[in-house]
Amino acid sequence: MRIAIAATEMSDNGQICRQGARATYFLVFDENAQIAEAFENPFKDYDHGVGIHVADFLADKKVKVVAAAHIGTGFANALDSKGVGHVETEGTIRDAVEAIIGSSV
């Protein structure tokens, strides 16, 4: 299972970003809670359709769950249409990843 966390920095010790689709970075973790990918969000500054673009992008990267402090309705609907789950949570990235992995066992 691949998990994408909306991040404020490129570190798993950082905080979860308040924004979902407009997050500055995404960290993608594998089922062993290891970082598989980390990248700057290429769509964060788009004027329209950010949620759709990010949902497509993350689905193409085989992400199964996205976590952010806030996931807006448009982003949630776009993720749902791609079969990608979503979780609203706050705190550290590492804690969120471990909780998501722990809840899917």
C-alpha atoms as a PDB file:
ATOM      1  CA  MET A   1       0.000   0.000   0.000  1.00  0.00           C
ATOM      2  CA  ARG A   2       1.335   3.434  -0.936  1.00  0.00           C
ATOM      3  CA  ILE A   3       0.403   6.367   1.290  1.00  0.00           C
ATOM      4  CA  ALA A   4       0.848  10.019   0.268  1.00  0.00           C
ATOM      5  CA  ILE A   5       1.146  12.559   3.047  1.00  0.00           C
ATOM      6  CA  ALA A   6       0.662  16.276   2.370  1.00  0.00           C
ATOM      7  CA  ALA A   7       3.801  17.766   3.908  1.00  0.00           C
ATOM      8  CA  THR A   8       5.176  21.156   4.889  1.00  0.00           C
ATOM      9  CA  GLU A   9       8.757  19.964   4.297  1.00  0.00           C
ATOM     10  CA  MET A  10      10.635  17.068   2.690  1.00  0.00           C
ATOM     11  CA  SER A  11      11.134  15.203   5.950  1.00  0.00           C
ATOM     12  CA  ASP A  12       9.130  12.489   7.674  1.00  0.00           C
ATOM     13  CA  ASN A  13       9.830  14.316  10.946  1.00  0.00           C
ATOM     14  CA  GLY A  14       7.824  17.310   9.705  1.00  0.00           C
ATOM     15  CA  GLN A  15       4.219  18.273  10.175  1.00  0.00           C
ATOM     16  CA  ILE A  16       1.270  17.349   8.012  1.00  0.00           C
ATOM     17  CA  CYS A  17       0.284  20.213   5.753  1.00  0.00           C
ATOM     18  CA  ARG A  18      -2.986  21.970   6.474  1.00  0.00           C
ATOM     19  CA  GLN A  19      -3.848  21.993   2.777  1.00  0.00           C
ATOM     20  CA  GLY A  20      -4.521  18.836   0.848  1.00  0.00           C
ATOM     21  CA  ALA A  21      -4.388  19.444  -2.894  1.00  0.00           C
ATOM     22  CA  ARG A  22      -2.330  22.632  -2.471  1.00  0.00           C
ATOM     23  CA  ALA A  23       0.257  21.070  -0.178  1.00  0.00           C
ATOM     24  CA  THR A  24       3.802  22.202  -0.886  1.00  0.00           C
ATOM     25  CA  TYR A  25       5.163  18.643  -0.862  1.00  0.00           C
ATOM     26  CA  PHE A  26       3.971  15.062  -0.873  1.00  0.00           C
ATOM     27  CA  LEU A  27       5.861  12.220   0.763  1.00  0.00           C
ATOM     28  CA  VAL A  28       4.894   8.756  -0.462  1.00  0.00           C
ATOM     29  CA  PHE A  29       5.431   5.839   1.894  1.00  0.00           C
ATOM     30  CA  ASP A  30       5.382   2.108   1.240  1.00  0.00           C
ATOM     31  CA  GLU A  31       3.707  -0.566   3.377  1.00  0.00           C
ATOM     32  CA  ASN A  32       6.813  -0.704   5.606  1.00  0.00           C
ATOM     33  CA  ALA A  33       6.516   3.013   6.478  1.00  0.00           C
ATOM     34  CA  GLN A  34       9.600   3.827   4.394  1.00  0.00           C
ATOM     35  CA  ILE A  35       9.719   6.842   2.105  1.00  0.00           C
ATOM     36  CA  ALA A  36       9.366   5.604  -1.473  1.00  0.00           C
ATOM     37  CA  GLU A  37       9.164   9.058  -3.090  1.00  0.00           C
ATOM     38  CA  ALA A  38       9.219  12.705  -2.086  1.00  0.00           C
ATOM     39  CA  PHE A  39       8.388  15.547  -4.422  1.00  0.00           C
ATOM     40  CA  GLU A  40       7.204  19.123  -4.656  1.00  0.00           C
ATOM     41  CA  ASN A  41       3.561  19.424  -5.661  1.00  0.00           C
ATOM     42  CA  PRO A  42       3.630  20.515  -9.321  1.00  0.00           C
ATOM     43  CA  PHE A  43       0.006  21.735  -9.193  1.00  0.00           C
ATOM     44  CA  LYS A  44      -0.040  23.755  -5.961  1.00  0.00           C
ATOM     45  CA  ASP A  45      -0.084  27.116  -7.750  1.00  0.00           C
ATOM     46  CA  TYR A  46      -2.704  26.298 -10.403  1.00  0.00           C
ATOM     47  CA  ASP A  47      -5.713  28.596 -10.459  1.00  0.00           C
ATOM     48  CA  HIS A  48      -8.368  25.918 -11.045  1.00  0.00           C
ATOM     49  CA  GLY A  49      -8.790  22.164 -10.912  1.00  0.00           C
ATOM     50  CA  VAL A  50      -5.966  21.569  -8.449  1.00  0.00           C
ATOM     51  CA  GLY A  51      -7.714  18.676  -6.717  1.00  0.00           C
ATOM     52  CA  ILE A  52      -8.397  16.878  -9.988  1.00  0.00           C
ATOM     53  CA  HIS A  53      -4.799  17.253 -11.189  1.00  0.00           C
ATOM     54  CA  VAL A  54      -3.320  16.122  -7.883  1.00  0.00           C
ATOM     55  CA  ALA A  55      -5.705  13.151  -7.637  1.00  0.00           C
ATOM     56  CA  ASP A  56      -4.734  12.049 -11.169  1.00  0.00           C
ATOM     57  CA  PHE A  57      -1.034  12.514 -10.393  1.00  0.00           C
ATOM     58  CA  LEU A  58      -1.159  10.533  -7.148  1.00  0.00           C
ATOM     59  CA  ALA A  59      -3.299   7.772  -8.673  1.00  0.00           C
ATOM     60  CA  ASP A  60      -0.718   7.441 -11.469  1.00  0.00           C
ATOM     61  CA  LYS A  61       1.885   6.941  -8.729  1.00  0.00           C
ATOM     62  CA  LYS A  62      -0.219   4.027  -7.369  1.00  0.00           C
ATOM     63  CA  VAL A  63      -1.100   5.865  -4.132  1.00  0.00           C
ATOM     64  CA  LYS A  64      -3.955   4.173  -2.225  1.00  0.00           C
ATOM     65  CA  VAL A  65      -4.433   6.660   0.654  1.00  0.00           C
ATOM     66  CA  VAL A  66      -3.822  10.413   0.950  1.00  0.00           C
ATOM     67  CA  ALA A  67      -3.566  12.201   4.297  1.00  0.00           C
ATOM     68  CA  ALA A  68      -3.703  15.934   5.033  1.00  0.00           C
ATOM     69  CA  ALA A  69      -5.002  18.106   7.844  1.00  0.00           C
ATOM     70  CA  HIS A  70      -7.824  19.277   5.569  1.00  0.00           C
ATOM     71  CA  ILE A  71      -9.087  17.636   2.388  1.00  0.00           C
ATOM     72  CA  GLY A  72     -11.624  19.806   0.633  1.00  0.00           C
ATOM     73  CA  THR A  73     -14.750  18.484  -1.024  1.00  0.00           C
ATOM     74  CA  GLY A  74     -13.395  18.858  -4.562  1.00  0.00           C
ATOM     75  CA  PHE A  75     -10.174  17.035  -3.750  1.00  0.00           C
ATOM     76  CA  ALA A  76     -12.079  14.326  -1.851  1.00  0.00           C
ATOM     77  CA  ASN A  77     -14.423  13.790  -4.806  1.00  0.00           C
ATOM     78  CA  ALA A  78     -11.490  13.622  -7.239  1.00  0.00           C
ATOM     79  CA  LEU A  79      -9.698  11.079  -5.023  1.00  0.00           C
ATOM     80  CA  ASP A  80     -12.887   9.028  -4.672  1.00  0.00           C
ATOM     81  CA  SER A  81     -13.278   8.936  -8.454  1.00  0.00           C
ATOM     82  CA  LYS A  82      -9.782   7.440  -8.704  1.00  0.00           C
ATOM     83  CA  GLY A  83     -10.374   4.886  -5.948  1.00  0.00           C
ATOM     84  CA  VAL A  84      -7.911   6.640  -3.616  1.00  0.00           C
ATOM     85  CA  GLY A  85      -8.822   6.795   0.064  1.00  0.00           C
ATOM     86  CA  HIS A  86      -8.295   9.928   2.149  1.00  0.00           C
ATOM     87  CA  VAL A  87      -7.787  10.728   5.806  1.00  0.00           C
ATOM     88  CA  GLU A  88      -7.859  14.044   7.629  1.00  0.00           C
ATOM     89  CA  THR A  89      -5.307  14.090  10.415  1.00  0.00           C
ATOM     90  CA  GLU A  90      -2.887  16.465  12.089  1.00  0.00           C
ATOM     91  CA  GLY A  91       0.476  16.091  13.775  1.00  0.00           C
ATOM     92  CA  THR A  92       3.706  14.583  12.577  1.00  0.00           C
ATOM     93  CA  ILE A  93       4.035  12.788   9.294  1.00  0.00           C
ATOM     94  CA  ARG A  94       5.660   9.754  10.902  1.00  0.00           C
ATOM     95  CA  ASP A  95       2.788   9.344  13.399  1.00  0.00           C
ATOM     96  CA  ALA A  96       0.188   9.589  10.620  1.00  0.00           C
ATOM     97  CA  VAL A  97       1.913   6.989   8.448  1.00  0.00           C
ATOM     98  CA  GLU A  98       2.215   4.537  11.314  1.00  0.00           C
ATOM     99  CA  ALA A  99      -1.440   5.054  12.289  1.00  0.00           C
ATOM    100  CA  ILE A 100      -2.659   4.524   8.716  1.00  0.00           C
ATOM    101  CA  ILE A 101      -0.569   1.380   8.300  1.00  0.00           C
ATOM    102  CA  GLY A 102      -1.666   0.113  11.715  1.00  0.00           C
ATOM    103  CA  SER A 103      -5.341   0.620  10.906  1.00  0.00           C
ATOM    104  CA  SER A 104      -5.117  -1.362   7.665  1.00  0.00           C
ATOM    105  CA  VAL A 105      -3.591  -4.495   9.193  1.00  0.00           C
END
